[in-house]
Amino acid sequence: MTLTVSVVLLAGFLLALLLKQRVLGVWAAVIATVFGFYLADTAAADTVNELVIGFAGALNSLG
């Protein structure tokens, strides 16, 4: 649960920063989509959550 809250806050911050800087592109869409999936309780949220946990585990194993 802690990881989920941290990812939501990070995604929200990055989305706000990208919107403020008027950066439009693929990464802005990806961050907005991830943020939306975490806020909305949909069936796809579990898949996105597993991807984020897997990515965090991979980063953890590198360092």
Protein backbone atom coordinates (compact mmCIF):
# COMPACT_ATOMS: atom_id res chain seq x y z
CA MET A 1 0.00 0.00 0.00
CA THR A 2 2.84 2.40 0.74
CA LEU A 3 4.24 1.92 -2.75
CA THR A 4 0.86 2.65 -4.31
CA VAL A 5 0.46 5.92 -2.42
CA SER A 6 3.99 6.98 -3.32
CA VAL A 7 3.45 6.20 -7.00
CA VAL A 8 0.18 8.17 -7.04
CA LEU A 9 1.83 11.18 -5.45
CA LEU A 10 4.82 10.99 -7.78
CA ALA A 11 2.63 10.59 -10.86
CA GLY A 12 0.41 13.48 -9.75
CA PHE A 13 3.43 15.71 -9.18
CA LEU A 14 4.96 14.80 -12.53
CA LEU A 15 1.64 15.35 -14.29
CA ALA A 16 1.24 18.78 -12.69
CA LEU A 17 4.80 19.68 -13.62
CA LEU A 18 4.34 18.57 -17.23
CA LEU A 19 1.09 20.48 -17.51
CA LYS A 20 2.65 23.61 -16.04
CA GLN A 21 5.62 23.42 -18.39
CA ARG A 22 3.25 22.80 -21.32
CA VAL A 23 5.21 19.71 -22.27
CA LEU A 24 3.10 17.68 -24.62
CA GLY A 25 4.13 14.30 -25.86
CA VAL A 26 4.20 10.60 -25.23
CA TRP A 27 5.56 10.79 -21.68
CA ALA A 28 2.86 13.24 -20.59
CA ALA A 29 0.23 10.85 -21.88
CA VAL A 30 1.86 7.87 -20.14
CA ILE A 31 2.05 9.66 -16.79
CA ALA A 32 -1.54 10.91 -17.10
CA THR A 33 -2.72 7.40 -17.95
CA VAL A 34 -0.92 5.80 -15.00
CA PHE A 35 -2.27 8.48 -12.69
CA GLY A 36 -5.79 7.88 -13.99
CA PHE A 37 -5.56 4.13 -13.56
CA TYR A 38 -4.49 4.49 -9.94
CA LEU A 39 -7.23 6.98 -9.16
CA ALA A 40 -9.94 5.00 -10.90
CA ASP A 41 -10.76 1.61 -9.50
CA THR A 42 -10.87 -0.37 -12.72
CA ALA A 43 -9.87 -3.89 -13.71
CA ALA A 44 -6.82 -2.47 -15.51
CA ALA A 45 -5.54 -0.94 -12.26
CA ASP A 46 -4.35 -4.37 -11.07
CA THR A 47 -2.29 -4.84 -14.23
CA VAL A 48 -0.75 -1.37 -13.95
CA ASN A 49 -0.05 -2.00 -10.27
CA GLU A 50 1.74 -5.26 -11.06
CA LEU A 51 3.82 -3.49 -13.73
CA VAL A 52 4.85 -0.75 -11.31
CA ILE A 53 5.72 -3.26 -8.59
CA GLY A 54 7.74 -5.29 -11.09
CA PHE A 55 9.57 -2.17 -12.27
CA ALA A 56 10.28 -1.10 -8.68
CA GLY A 57 11.58 -4.60 -7.91
CA ALA A 58 13.86 -4.46 -10.95
CA LEU A 59 15.21 -1.07 -9.87
CA ASN A 60 15.71 -2.39 -6.35
CA SER A 61 17.72 -5.37 -7.59
CA LEU A 62 20.02 -3.06 -9.59
CA GLY A 63 21.09 -1.05 -6.57
